[in-house]
């Protein structure tokens, strides 16, 4: 008689291979994604501009350093489908001492950018 519960023995027999393959595909798909730092989530554009330091690190599938409209933002460097993201406004460093606010929906899609 084996010790442990059914999940332990099922995992030992390789029943979670599909999950491992999915994670691997997501990681490979996100290989060229770019990381960026942003502030905490805010409810609106003015609140995000006056928000705290840029402590969160996210990745995006765009070609520039910062995400632009219609780019998808991910919380980790994996191309998850479907992507779940906490919708709101996020402050990013726009360069040259200027900040921007990104408006991101619950699917992680950047819907607008605003200057602070």
PDB file of N, CA and C in Angstrom:
ATOM      1  N   UNK A   1       0.850  -1.175   0.000  1.00  0.00           N
ATOM      2  CA  UNK A   1       0.000   0.000   0.000  1.00  0.00           C
ATOM      3  C   UNK A   1       0.894   1.235   0.000  1.00  0.00           C
ATOM      4  N   UNK A   2       0.602   2.162  -0.895  1.00  0.00           N
ATOM      5  CA  UNK A   2       1.409   3.375  -1.029  1.00  0.00           C
ATOM      6  C   UNK A   2       0.954   4.433  -0.025  1.00  0.00           C
ATOM      7  N   UNK A   3       1.910   5.203   0.422  1.00  0.00           N
ATOM      8  CA  UNK A   3       1.599   6.307   1.319  1.00  0.00           C
ATOM      9  C   UNK A   3       1.306   7.557   0.507  1.00  0.00           C
ATOM     10  N   UNK A   4       0.515   8.456   1.060  1.00  0.00           N
ATOM     11  CA  UNK A   4       0.219   9.717   0.371  1.00  0.00           C
ATOM     12  C   UNK A   4      -1.179   9.715  -0.199  1.00  0.00           C
ATOM     13  N   UNK A   5      -1.572  10.854  -0.708  1.00  0.00           N
ATOM     14  CA  UNK A   5      -2.918  10.960  -1.269  1.00  0.00           C
ATOM     15  C   UNK A   5      -2.890  10.726  -2.777  1.00  0.00           C
ATOM     16  N   UNK A   6      -4.043  10.773  -3.401  1.00  0.00           N
ATOM     17  CA  UNK A   6      -4.165  10.470  -4.824  1.00  0.00           C
ATOM     18  C   UNK A   6      -3.402  11.469  -5.683  1.00  0.00           C
ATOM     19  N   UNK A   7      -3.357  12.744  -5.298  1.00  0.00           N
ATOM     20  CA  UNK A   7      -2.652  13.739  -6.105  1.00  0.00           C
ATOM     21  C   UNK A   7      -1.162  13.462  -6.141  1.00  0.00           C
ATOM     22  N   UNK A   8      -0.602  13.059  -5.019  1.00  0.00           N
ATOM     23  CA  UNK A   8       0.832  12.784  -4.976  1.00  0.00           C
ATOM     24  C   UNK A   8       1.183  11.632  -5.902  1.00  0.00           C
ATOM     25  N   UNK A   9       0.423  10.570  -5.858  1.00  0.00           N
ATOM     26  CA  UNK A   9       0.727   9.426  -6.705  1.00  0.00           C
ATOM     27  C   UNK A   9       0.446   9.738  -8.173  1.00  0.00           C
ATOM     28  N   UNK A  10      -0.585  10.545  -8.452  1.00  0.00           N
ATOM     29  CA  UNK A  10      -0.883  10.910  -9.833  1.00  0.00           C
ATOM     30  C   UNK A  10       0.233  11.762 -10.415  1.00  0.00           C
ATOM     31  N   UNK A  11       0.753  12.689  -9.643  1.00  0.00           N
ATOM     32  CA  UNK A  11       1.837  13.525 -10.127  1.00  0.00           C
ATOM     33  C   UNK A  11       3.094  12.698 -10.341  1.00  0.00           C
ATOM     34  N   UNK A  12       3.319  11.719  -9.478  1.00  0.00           N
ATOM     35  CA  UNK A  12       4.493  10.868  -9.622  1.00  0.00           C
ATOM     36  C   UNK A  12       4.423  10.050 -10.900  1.00  0.00           C
ATOM     37  N   UNK A  13       3.221   9.739 -11.354  1.00  0.00           N
ATOM     38  CA  UNK A  13       3.063   8.974 -12.587  1.00  0.00           C
ATOM     39  C   UNK A  13       3.061   9.859 -13.826  1.00  0.00           C
ATOM     40  N   UNK A  14       3.231  11.175 -13.664  1.00  0.00           N
ATOM     41  CA  UNK A  14       3.337  12.075 -14.810  1.00  0.00           C
ATOM     42  C   UNK A  14       2.020  12.579 -15.351  1.00  0.00           C
ATOM     43  N   UNK A  15       0.970  12.604 -14.544  1.00  0.00           N
ATOM     44  CA  UNK A  15      -0.332  13.048 -15.032  1.00  0.00           C
ATOM     45  C   UNK A  15      -0.414  14.560 -15.208  1.00  0.00           C
ATOM     46  N   UNK A  16       0.566  15.323 -14.746  1.00  0.00           N
ATOM     47  CA  UNK A  16       0.541  16.770 -14.921  1.00  0.00           C
ATOM     48  C   UNK A  16       1.456  17.221 -16.054  1.00  0.00           C
ATOM     49  N   UNK A  17       1.768  16.340 -16.980  1.00  0.00           N
ATOM     50  CA  UNK A  17       2.640  16.657 -18.106  1.00  0.00           C
ATOM     51  C   UNK A  17       2.039  17.755 -18.965  1.00  0.00           C
ATOM     52  N   UNK A  18       0.734  17.750 -19.174  1.00  0.00           N
ATOM     53  CA  UNK A  18       0.094  18.784 -20.003  1.00  0.00           C
ATOM     54  C   UNK A  18       0.292  20.162 -19.401  1.00  0.00           C
ATOM     55  N   UNK A  19       0.213  20.275 -18.082  1.00  0.00           N
ATOM     56  CA  UNK A  19       0.431  21.554 -17.417  1.00  0.00           C
ATOM     57  C   UNK A  19       1.866  22.014 -17.597  1.00  0.00           C
ATOM     58  N   UNK A  20       2.808  21.111 -17.476  1.00  0.00           N
ATOM     59  CA  UNK A  20       4.224  21.461 -17.665  1.00  0.00           C
ATOM     60  C   UNK A  20       4.476  21.915 -19.093  1.00  0.00           C
ATOM     61  N   UNK A  21       3.872  21.256 -20.064  1.00  0.00           N
ATOM     62  CA  UNK A  21       4.053  21.644 -21.470  1.00  0.00           C
ATOM     63  C   UNK A  21       3.483  23.039 -21.724  1.00  0.00           C
ATOM     64  N   UNK A  22       2.313  23.312 -21.147  1.00  0.00           N
ATOM     65  CA  UNK A  22       1.691  24.621 -21.333  1.00  0.00           C
ATOM     66  C   UNK A  22       2.579  25.719 -20.763  1.00  0.00           C
ATOM     67  N   UNK A  23       3.109  25.511 -19.551  1.00  0.00           N
ATOM     68  CA  UNK A  23       4.014  26.500 -18.950  1.00  0.00           C
ATOM     69  C   UNK A  23       5.244  26.717 -19.816  1.00  0.00           C
ATOM     70  N   UNK A  24       5.787  25.630 -20.345  1.00  0.00           N
ATOM     71  CA  UNK A  24       6.985  25.719 -21.189  1.00  0.00           C
ATOM     72  C   UNK A  24       6.692  26.515 -22.458  1.00  0.00           C
ATOM     73  N   UNK A  25       5.544  26.274 -23.088  1.00  0.00           N
ATOM     74  CA  UNK A  25       5.168  27.016 -24.294  1.00  0.00           C
ATOM     75  C   UNK A  25       4.987  28.501 -23.991  1.00  0.00           C
ATOM     76  N   UNK A  26       4.371  28.815 -22.844  1.00  0.00           N
ATOM     77  CA  UNK A  26       4.185  30.212 -22.455  1.00  0.00           C
ATOM     78  C   UNK A  26       5.525  30.897 -22.243  1.00  0.00           C
ATOM     79  N   UNK A  27       6.475  30.202 -21.645  1.00  0.00           N
ATOM     80  CA  UNK A  27       7.804  30.764 -21.399  1.00  0.00           C
ATOM     81  C   UNK A  27       8.554  30.987 -22.708  1.00  0.00           C
ATOM     82  N   UNK A  28       8.474  30.041 -23.618  1.00  0.00           N
ATOM     83  CA  UNK A  28       9.160  30.180 -24.909  1.00  0.00           C
ATOM     84  C   UNK A  28       8.548  31.322 -25.713  1.00  0.00           C
ATOM     85  N   UNK A  29       7.228  31.439 -25.710  1.00  0.00           N
ATOM     86  CA  UNK A  29       6.557  32.509 -26.454  1.00  0.00           C
ATOM     87  C   UNK A  29       6.943  33.889 -25.925  1.00  0.00           C
ATOM     88  N   UNK A  30       7.250  33.984 -24.643  1.00  0.00           N
ATOM     89  CA  UNK A  30       7.584  35.270 -24.018  1.00  0.00           C
ATOM     90  C   UNK A  30       9.081  35.551 -24.007  1.00  0.00           C
ATOM     91  N   UNK A  31       9.842  34.787 -24.717  1.00  0.00           N
ATOM     92  CA  UNK A  31      11.301  34.919 -24.702  1.00  0.00           C
ATOM     93  C   UNK A  31      11.766  36.333 -25.069  1.00  0.00           C
ATOM     94  N   UNK A  32      11.122  36.989 -26.012  1.00  0.00           N
ATOM     95  CA  UNK A  32      11.550  38.308 -26.474  1.00  0.00           C
ATOM     96  C   UNK A  32      10.756  39.457 -25.856  1.00  0.00           C
ATOM     97  N   UNK A  33       9.976  39.180 -24.838  1.00  0.00           N
ATOM     98  CA  UNK A  33       9.210  40.234 -24.187  1.00  0.00           C
ATOM     99  C   UNK A  33      10.134  41.154 -23.404  1.00  0.00           C
ATOM    100  N   UNK A  34       9.711  42.394 -23.220  1.00  0.00           N
ATOM    101  CA  UNK A  34      10.517  43.404 -22.527  1.00  0.00           C
ATOM    102  C   UNK A  34       9.946  43.686 -21.147  1.00  0.00           C
ATOM    103  N   UNK A  35      10.836  43.894 -20.187  1.00  0.00           N
ATOM    104  CA  UNK A  35      10.424  44.238 -18.825  1.00  0.00           C
ATOM    105  C   UNK A  35      10.411  45.752 -18.648  1.00  0.00           C
ATOM    106  N   UNK A  36       9.552  46.227 -17.763  1.00  0.00           N
ATOM    107  CA  UNK A  36       9.510  47.652 -17.430  1.00  0.00           C
ATOM    108  C   UNK A  36       9.020  47.802 -16.001  1.00  0.00           C
ATOM    109  N   UNK A  37       9.372  48.926 -15.387  1.00  0.00           N
ATOM    110  CA  UNK A  37       8.959  49.213 -14.013  1.00  0.00           C
ATOM    111  C   UNK A  37       7.807  50.197 -14.019  1.00  0.00           C
ATOM    112  N   UNK A  38       6.899  50.018 -13.077  1.00  0.00           N
ATOM    113  CA  UNK A  38       5.771  50.941 -12.970  1.00  0.00           C
ATOM    114  C   UNK A  38       5.368  51.094 -11.511  1.00  0.00           C
ATOM    115  N   UNK A  39       4.559  52.102 -11.264  1.00  0.00           N
ATOM    116  CA  UNK A  39       4.083  52.377  -9.919  1.00  0.00           C
ATOM    117  C   UNK A  39       2.903  51.496  -9.560  1.00  0.00           C
ATOM    118  N   UNK A  40       2.365  51.694  -8.377  1.00  0.00           N
ATOM    119  CA  UNK A  40       1.205  50.900  -7.958  1.00  0.00           C
ATOM    120  C   UNK A  40      -0.036  51.266  -8.758  1.00  0.00           C
ATOM    121  N   UNK A  41      -1.008  50.367  -8.762  1.00  0.00           N
ATOM    122  CA  UNK A  41      -2.265  50.586  -9.482  1.00  0.00           C
ATOM    123  C   UNK A  41      -3.028  51.742  -8.847  1.00  0.00           C
ATOM    124  N   UNK A  42      -3.620  52.581  -9.694  1.00  0.00           N
ATOM    125  CA  UNK A  42      -4.443  53.696  -9.214  1.00  0.00           C
ATOM    126  C   UNK A  42      -5.794  53.649  -9.919  1.00  0.00           C
ATOM    127  N   UNK A  43      -6.766  54.332  -9.345  1.00  0.00           N
ATOM    128  CA  UNK A  43      -8.122  54.322  -9.884  1.00  0.00           C
ATOM    129  C   UNK A  43      -8.296  55.235 -11.089  1.00  0.00           C
ATOM    130  N   UNK A  44      -7.464  56.290 -11.190  1.00  0.00           N
ATOM    131  CA  UNK A  44      -7.612  57.210 -12.314  1.00  0.00           C
ATOM    132  C   UNK A  44      -6.249  57.794 -12.698  1.00  0.00           C
ATOM    133  N   UNK A  45      -6.233  58.553 -13.779  1.00  0.00           N
ATOM    134  CA  UNK A  45      -4.997  59.113 -14.320  1.00  0.00           C
ATOM    135  C   UNK A  45      -4.282  60.050 -13.352  1.00  0.00           C
ATOM    136  N   UNK A  46      -4.940  61.053 -12.764  1.00  0.00           N
ATOM    137  CA  UNK A  46      -4.222  61.945 -11.838  1.00  0.00           C
ATOM    138  C   UNK A  46      -3.665  61.218 -10.612  1.00  0.00           C
ATOM    139  N   UNK A  47      -4.410  60.242 -10.102  1.00  0.00           N
ATOM    140  CA  UNK A  47      -3.934  59.507  -8.928  1.00  0.00           C
ATOM    141  C   UNK A  47      -2.698  58.674  -9.263  1.00  0.00           C
ATOM    142  N   UNK A  48      -2.627  58.132 -10.465  1.00  0.00           N
ATOM    143  CA  UNK A  48      -1.457  57.330 -10.838  1.00  0.00           C
ATOM    144  C   UNK A  48      -0.218  58.202 -10.985  1.00  0.00           C
ATOM    145  N   UNK A  49      -0.389  59.422 -11.496  1.00  0.00           N
ATOM    146  CA  UNK A  49       0.758  60.318 -11.673  1.00  0.00           C
ATOM    147  C   UNK A  49       1.343  60.769 -10.340  1.00  0.00           C
ATOM    148  N   UNK A  50       0.508  60.882  -9.338  1.00  0.00           N
ATOM    149  CA  UNK A  50       1.012  61.298  -8.033  1.00  0.00           C
ATOM    150  C   UNK A  50       1.299  60.084  -7.153  1.00  0.00           C
ATOM    151  N   UNK A  51       1.227  58.890  -7.732  1.00  0.00           N
ATOM    152  CA  UNK A  51       1.417  57.647  -6.991  1.00  0.00           C
ATOM    153  C   UNK A  51       2.841  57.439  -6.522  1.00  0.00           C
ATOM    154  N   UNK A  52       3.043  56.308  -5.889  1.00  0.00           N
ATOM    155  CA  UNK A  52       4.317  55.953  -5.266  1.00  0.00           C
ATOM    156  C   UNK A  52       5.421  55.626  -6.255  1.00  0.00           C
ATOM    157  N   UNK A  53       6.514  55.081  -5.734  1.00  0.00           N
ATOM    158  CA  UNK A  53       7.676  54.767  -6.556  1.00  0.00           C
ATOM    159  C   UNK A  53       7.390  53.639  -7.545  1.00  0.00           C
ATOM    160  N   UNK A  54       8.253  53.534  -8.542  1.00  0.00           N
ATOM    161  CA  UNK A  54       8.103  52.534  -9.594  1.00  0.00           C
ATOM    162  C   UNK A  54       8.660  51.202  -9.112  1.00  0.00           C
ATOM    163  N   UNK A  55       7.911  50.485  -8.304  1.00  0.00           N
ATOM    164  CA  UNK A  55       8.399  49.261  -7.692  1.00  0.00           C
ATOM    165  C   UNK A  55       7.918  47.972  -8.336  1.00  0.00           C
ATOM    166  N   UNK A  56       6.877  48.022  -9.153  1.00  0.00           N
ATOM    167  CA  UNK A  56       6.360  46.811  -9.809  1.00  0.00           C
ATOM    168  C   UNK A  56       7.109  46.566 -11.110  1.00  0.00           C
ATOM    169  N   UNK A  57       7.381  45.310 -11.420  1.00  0.00           N
ATOM    170  CA  UNK A  57       8.034  44.960 -12.679  1.00  0.00           C
ATOM    171  C   UNK A  57       7.096  44.046 -13.453  1.00  0.00           C
ATOM    172  N   UNK A  58       6.742  44.472 -14.662  1.00  0.00           N
ATOM    173  CA  UNK A  58       5.885  43.702 -15.552  1.00  0.00           C
ATOM    174  C   UNK A  58       6.617  43.501 -16.870  1.00  0.00           C
ATOM    175  N   UNK A  59       6.090  42.654 -17.734  1.00  0.00           N
ATOM    176  CA  UNK A  59       6.636  42.473 -19.077  1.00  0.00           C
ATOM    177  C   UNK A  59       5.543  42.773 -20.094  1.00  0.00           C
ATOM    178  N   UNK A  60       5.957  43.090 -21.316  1.00  0.00           N
ATOM    179  CA  UNK A  60       4.977  43.366 -22.374  1.00  0.00           C
ATOM    180  C   UNK A  60       5.476  42.818 -23.692  1.00  0.00           C
ATOM    181  N   UNK A  61       4.559  42.640 -24.632  1.00  0.00           N
ATOM    182  CA  UNK A  61       4.900  42.026 -25.914  1.00  0.00           C
ATOM    183  C   UNK A  61       5.217  43.042 -27.003  1.00  0.00           C
ATOM    184  N   UNK A  62       5.354  44.297 -26.664  1.00  0.00           N
ATOM    185  CA  UNK A  62       5.637  45.340 -27.650  1.00  0.00           C
ATOM    186  C   UNK A  62       7.095  45.375 -28.062  1.00  0.00           C
ATOM    187  N   UNK A  63       7.396  46.215 -29.043  1.00  0.00           N
ATOM    188  CA  UNK A  63       8.762  46.304 -29.563  1.00  0.00           C
ATOM    189  C   UNK A  63       9.551  47.457 -28.963  1.00  0.00           C
ATOM    190  N   UNK A  64       8.901  48.376 -28.262  1.00  0.00           N
ATOM    191  CA  UNK A  64       9.611  49.507 -27.659  1.00  0.00           C
ATOM    192  C   UNK A  64       9.871  49.228 -26.177  1.00  0.00           C
ATOM    193  N   UNK A  65      10.620  50.121 -25.538  1.00  0.00           N
ATOM    194  CA  UNK A  65      10.976  49.935 -24.125  1.00  0.00           C
ATOM    195  C   UNK A  65       9.748  49.961 -23.223  1.00  0.00           C
ATOM    196  N   UNK A  66       8.794  50.832 -23.530  1.00  0.00           N
ATOM    197  CA  UNK A  66       7.549  50.912 -22.766  1.00  0.00           C
ATOM    198  C   UNK A  66       6.392  50.412 -23.630  1.00  0.00           C
ATOM    199  N   UNK A  67       5.366  49.848 -23.004  1.00  0.00           N
ATOM    200  CA  UNK A  67       4.226  49.400 -23.797  1.00  0.00           C
ATOM    201  C   UNK A  67       3.472  50.580 -24.403  1.00  0.00           C
ATOM    202  N   UNK A  68       2.920  50.358 -25.565  1.00  0.00           N
ATOM    203  CA  UNK A  68       2.101  51.357 -26.241  1.00  0.00           C
ATOM    204  C   UNK A  68       0.680  50.801 -26.376  1.00  0.00           C
ATOM    205  N   UNK A  69      -0.221  51.581 -26.942  1.00  0.00           N
ATOM    206  CA  UNK A  69      -1.609  51.163 -27.090  1.00  0.00           C
ATOM    207  C   UNK A  69      -1.675  49.847 -27.874  1.00  0.00           C
ATOM    208  N   UNK A  70      -2.486  48.926 -27.399  1.00  0.00           N
ATOM    209  CA  UNK A  70      -2.722  47.587 -27.946  1.00  0.00           C
ATOM    210  C   UNK A  70      -1.631  46.571 -27.599  1.00  0.00           C
ATOM    211  N   UNK A  71      -0.583  46.945 -26.886  1.00  0.00           N
ATOM    212  CA  UNK A  71       0.373  45.968 -26.373  1.00  0.00           C
ATOM    213  C   UNK A  71      -0.262  45.250 -25.194  1.00  0.00           C
ATOM    214  N   UNK A  72       0.185  44.033 -24.936  1.00  0.00           N
ATOM    215  CA  UNK A  72      -0.346  43.253 -23.821  1.00  0.00           C
ATOM    216  C   UNK A  72       0.699  43.203 -22.713  1.00  0.00           C
ATOM    217  N   UNK A  73       0.264  43.485 -21.493  1.00  0.00           N
ATOM    218  CA  UNK A  73       1.131  43.499 -20.320  1.00  0.00           C
ATOM    219  C   UNK A  73       0.866  42.240 -19.499  1.00  0.00           C
ATOM    220  N   UNK A  74       1.941  41.610 -19.039  1.00  0.00           N
ATOM    221  CA  UNK A  74       1.846  40.393 -18.238  1.00  0.00           C
ATOM    222  C   UNK A  74       2.521  40.625 -16.889  1.00  0.00           C
ATOM    223  N   UNK A  75       2.030  39.933 -15.860  1.00  0.00           N
ATOM    224  CA  UNK A  75       2.621  40.069 -14.527  1.00  0.00           C
ATOM    225  C   UNK A  75       3.903  39.257 -14.394  1.00  0.00           C
ATOM    226  N   UNK A  76       4.112  38.273 -15.250  1.00  0.00           N
ATOM    227  CA  UNK A  76       5.343  37.485 -15.246  1.00  0.00           C
ATOM    228  C   UNK A  76       5.789  37.301 -16.689  1.00  0.00           C
ATOM    229  N   UNK A  77       6.973  36.783 -16.876  1.00  0.00           N
ATOM    230  CA  UNK A  77       7.493  36.638 -18.233  1.00  0.00           C
ATOM    231  C   UNK A  77       7.005  35.325 -18.849  1.00  0.00           C
ATOM    232  N   UNK A  78       5.669  35.233 -18.947  1.00  0.00           N
ATOM    233  CA  UNK A  78       5.013  34.097 -19.582  1.00  0.00           C
ATOM    234  C   UNK A  78       3.826  34.613 -20.375  1.00  0.00           C
ATOM    235  N   UNK A  79       3.666  34.157 -21.594  1.00  0.00           N
ATOM    236  CA  UNK A  79       2.578  34.591 -22.470  1.00  0.00           C
ATOM    237  C   UNK A  79       1.313  33.803 -22.145  1.00  0.00           C
ATOM    238  N   UNK A  80       0.668  34.150 -21.055  1.00  0.00           N
ATOM    239  CA  UNK A  80      -0.523  33.419 -20.616  1.00  0.00           C
ATOM    240  C   UNK A  80      -1.727  33.759 -21.489  1.00  0.00           C
ATOM    241  N   UNK A  81      -2.501  32.738 -21.774  1.00  0.00           N
ATOM    242  CA  UNK A  81      -3.712  32.940 -22.536  1.00  0.00           C
ATOM    243  C   UNK A  81      -4.812  32.120 -21.902  1.00  0.00           C
ATOM    244  N   UNK A  82      -5.840  32.679 -21.327  1.00  0.00           N
ATOM    245  CA  UNK A  82      -6.111  34.107 -21.238  1.00  0.00           C
ATOM    246  C   UNK A  82      -5.268  34.776 -20.154  1.00  0.00           C
ATOM    247  N   UNK A  83      -4.969  36.036 -20.368  1.00  0.00           N
ATOM    248  CA  UNK A  83      -4.173  36.812 -19.432  1.00  0.00           C
ATOM    249  C   UNK A  83      -5.105  37.518 -18.456  1.00  0.00           C
ATOM    250  N   UNK A  84      -4.857  37.364 -17.173  1.00  0.00           N
ATOM    251  CA  UNK A  84      -5.657  38.102 -16.185  1.00  0.00           C
ATOM    252  C   UNK A  84      -4.762  39.158 -15.552  1.00  0.00           C
ATOM    253  N   UNK A  85      -5.215  40.393 -15.568  1.00  0.00           N
ATOM    254  CA  UNK A  85      -4.425  41.520 -15.096  1.00  0.00           C
ATOM    255  C   UNK A  85      -5.330  42.401 -14.251  1.00  0.00           C
ATOM    256  N   UNK A  86      -4.765  43.069 -13.263  1.00  0.00           N
ATOM    257  CA  UNK A  86      -5.553  43.969 -12.431  1.00  0.00           C
ATOM    258  C   UNK A  86      -5.688  45.303 -13.164  1.00  0.00           C
ATOM    259  N   UNK A  87      -6.877  45.563 -13.681  1.00  0.00           N
ATOM    260  CA  UNK A  87      -7.118  46.753 -14.492  1.00  0.00           C
ATOM    261  C   UNK A  87      -6.924  48.024 -13.674  1.00  0.00           C
ATOM    262  N   UNK A  88      -6.429  49.058 -14.338  1.00  0.00           N
ATOM    263  CA  UNK A  88      -6.251  50.348 -13.680  1.00  0.00           C
ATOM    264  C   UNK A  88      -5.239  51.205 -14.414  1.00  0.00           C
ATOM    265  N   UNK A  89      -4.751  52.215 -13.725  1.00  0.00           N
ATOM    266  CA  UNK A  89      -3.777  53.159 -14.262  1.00  0.00           C
ATOM    267  C   UNK A  89      -2.441  52.930 -13.556  1.00  0.00           C
ATOM    268  N   UNK A  90      -1.365  52.902 -14.324  1.00  0.00           N
ATOM    269  CA  UNK A  90      -0.038  52.639 -13.780  1.00  0.00           C
ATOM    270  C   UNK A  90       0.934  53.708 -14.260  1.00  0.00           C
ATOM    271  N   UNK A  91       1.716  54.265 -13.346  1.00  0.00           N
ATOM    272  CA  UNK A  91       2.704  55.297 -13.685  1.00  0.00           C
ATOM    273  C   UNK A  91       3.995  54.629 -14.150  1.00  0.00           C
ATOM    274  N   UNK A  92       4.555  55.118 -15.263  1.00  0.00           N
ATOM    275  CA  UNK A  92       5.834  54.636 -15.783  1.00  0.00           C
ATOM    276  C   UNK A  92       6.728  55.828 -16.067  1.00  0.00           C
ATOM    277  N   UNK A  93       8.027  55.584 -16.103  1.00  0.00           N
ATOM    278  CA  UNK A  93       9.000  56.628 -16.415  1.00  0.00           C
ATOM    279  C   UNK A  93       9.070  56.779 -17.932  1.00  0.00           C
ATOM    280  N   UNK A  94       8.643  57.916 -18.434  1.00  0.00           N
ATOM    281  CA  UNK A  94       8.638  58.172 -19.868  1.00  0.00           C
ATOM    282  C   UNK A  94       9.980  58.649 -20.403  1.00  0.00           C
ATOM    283  N   UNK A  95      10.974  58.807 -19.544  1.00  0.00           N
ATOM    284  CA  UNK A  95      12.293  59.276 -19.956  1.00  0.00           C
ATOM    285  C   UNK A  95      12.410  60.784 -19.853  1.00  0.00           C
ATOM    286  N   UNK A  96      13.598  61.268 -19.608  1.00  0.00           N
ATOM    287  CA  UNK A  96      13.839  62.696 -19.509  1.00  0.00           C
ATOM    288  C   UNK A  96      13.174  63.341 -18.304  1.00  0.00           C
ATOM    289  N   UNK A  97      12.939  62.580 -17.250  1.00  0.00           N
ATOM    290  CA  UNK A  97      12.307  63.119 -16.056  1.00  0.00           C
ATOM    291  C   UNK A  97      10.802  63.283 -16.164  1.00  0.00           C
ATOM    292  N   UNK A  98      10.224  62.799 -17.245  1.00  0.00           N
ATOM    293  CA  UNK A  98       8.774  62.887 -17.441  1.00  0.00           C
ATOM    294  C   UNK A  98       8.141  61.525 -17.204  1.00  0.00           C
ATOM    295  N   UNK A  99       6.960  61.554 -16.630  1.00  0.00           N
ATOM    296  CA  UNK A  99       6.249  60.321 -16.357  1.00  0.00           C
ATOM    297  C   UNK A  99       5.002  60.218 -17.225  1.00  0.00           C
ATOM    298  N   UNK A 100       4.557  58.981 -17.447  1.00  0.00           N
ATOM    299  CA  UNK A 100       3.330  58.707 -18.183  1.00  0.00           C
ATOM    300  C   UNK A 100       2.458  57.801 -17.343  1.00  0.00           C
ATOM    301  N   UNK A 101       1.184  57.771 -17.657  1.00  0.00           N
ATOM    302  CA  UNK A 101       0.249  56.848 -17.027  1.00  0.00           C
ATOM    303  C   UNK A 101      -0.303  55.926 -18.109  1.00  0.00           C
ATOM    304  N   UNK A 102      -0.222  54.631 -17.863  1.00  0.00           N
ATOM    305  CA  UNK A 102      -0.775  53.656 -18.786  1.00  0.00           C
ATOM    306  C   UNK A 102      -2.137  53.207 -18.276  1.00  0.00           C
ATOM    307  N   UNK A 103      -3.127  53.200 -19.141  1.00  0.00           N
ATOM    308  CA  UNK A 103      -4.440  52.663 -18.788  1.00  0.00           C
ATOM    309  C   UNK A 103      -4.496  51.241 -19.331  1.00  0.00           C
ATOM    310  N   UNK A 104      -4.642  50.260 -18.423  1.00  0.00           N
ATOM    311  CA  UNK A 104      -4.592  48.852 -18.796  1.00  0.00           C
ATOM    312  C   UNK A 104      -5.889  48.170 -18.366  1.00  0.00           C
ATOM    313  N   UNK A 105      -6.478  47.379 -19.273  1.00  0.00           N
ATOM    314  CA  UNK A 105      -7.736  46.700 -18.931  1.00  0.00           C
ATOM    315  C   UNK A 105      -7.462  45.345 -18.266  1.00  0.00           C
ATOM    316  N   UNK A 106      -8.522  44.606 -17.939  1.00  0.00           N
ATOM    317  CA  UNK A 106      -8.374  43.359 -17.187  1.00  0.00           C
ATOM    318  C   UNK A 106      -7.718  42.236 -17.987  1.00  0.00           C
ATOM    319  N   UNK A 107      -7.638  42.370 -19.308  1.00  0.00           N
ATOM    320  CA  UNK A 107      -6.944  41.385 -20.136  1.00  0.00           C
ATOM    321  C   UNK A 107      -5.471  41.744 -20.310  1.00  0.00           C
ATOM    322  N   UNK A 108      -5.038  42.865 -19.725  1.00  0.00           N
ATOM    323  CA  UNK A 108      -3.649  43.295 -19.831  1.00  0.00           C
ATOM    324  C   UNK A 108      -3.362  44.152 -21.042  1.00  0.00           C
ATOM    325  N   UNK A 109      -4.372  44.531 -21.795  1.00  0.00           N
ATOM    326  CA  UNK A 109      -4.182  45.332 -23.006  1.00  0.00           C
ATOM    327  C   UNK A 109      -4.110  46.811 -22.629  1.00  0.00           C
ATOM    328  N   UNK A 110      -3.081  47.502 -23.146  1.00  0.00           N
ATOM    329  CA  UNK A 110      -2.951  48.942 -22.917  1.00  0.00           C
ATOM    330  C   UNK A 110      -3.975  49.637 -23.806  1.00  0.00           C
ATOM    331  N   UNK A 111      -4.910  50.337 -23.172  1.00  0.00           N
ATOM    332  CA  UNK A 111      -5.973  50.994 -23.936  1.00  0.00           C
ATOM    333  C   UNK A 111      -5.665  52.469 -24.197  1.00  0.00           C
ATOM    334  N   UNK A 112      -4.818  53.089 -23.376  1.00  0.00           N
ATOM    335  CA  UNK A 112      -4.464  54.498 -23.577  1.00  0.00           C
ATOM    336  C   UNK A 112      -3.212  54.839 -22.791  1.00  0.00           C
ATOM    337  N   UNK A 113      -2.517  55.880 -23.232  1.00  0.00           N
ATOM    338  CA  UNK A 113      -1.389  56.428 -22.484  1.00  0.00           C
ATOM    339  C   UNK A 113      -1.668  57.909 -22.243  1.00  0.00           C
ATOM    340  N   UNK A 114      -1.295  58.386 -21.078  1.00  0.00           N
ATOM    341  CA  UNK A 114      -1.534  59.781 -20.692  1.00  0.00           C
ATOM    342  C   UNK A 114      -0.226  60.375 -20.176  1.00  0.00           C
ATOM    343  N   UNK A 115       0.049  61.626 -20.512  1.00  0.00           N
ATOM    344  CA  UNK A 115       1.205  62.336 -19.951  1.00  0.00           C
ATOM    345  C   UNK A 115       0.854  62.847 -18.577  1.00  0.00           C
ATOM    346  N   UNK A 116       1.819  62.800 -17.670  1.00  0.00           N
ATOM    347  CA  UNK A 116       1.596  63.321 -16.314  1.00  0.00           C
ATOM    348  C   UNK A 116       1.942  64.789 -16.263  1.00  0.00           C
TER     349      UNK A 116
END
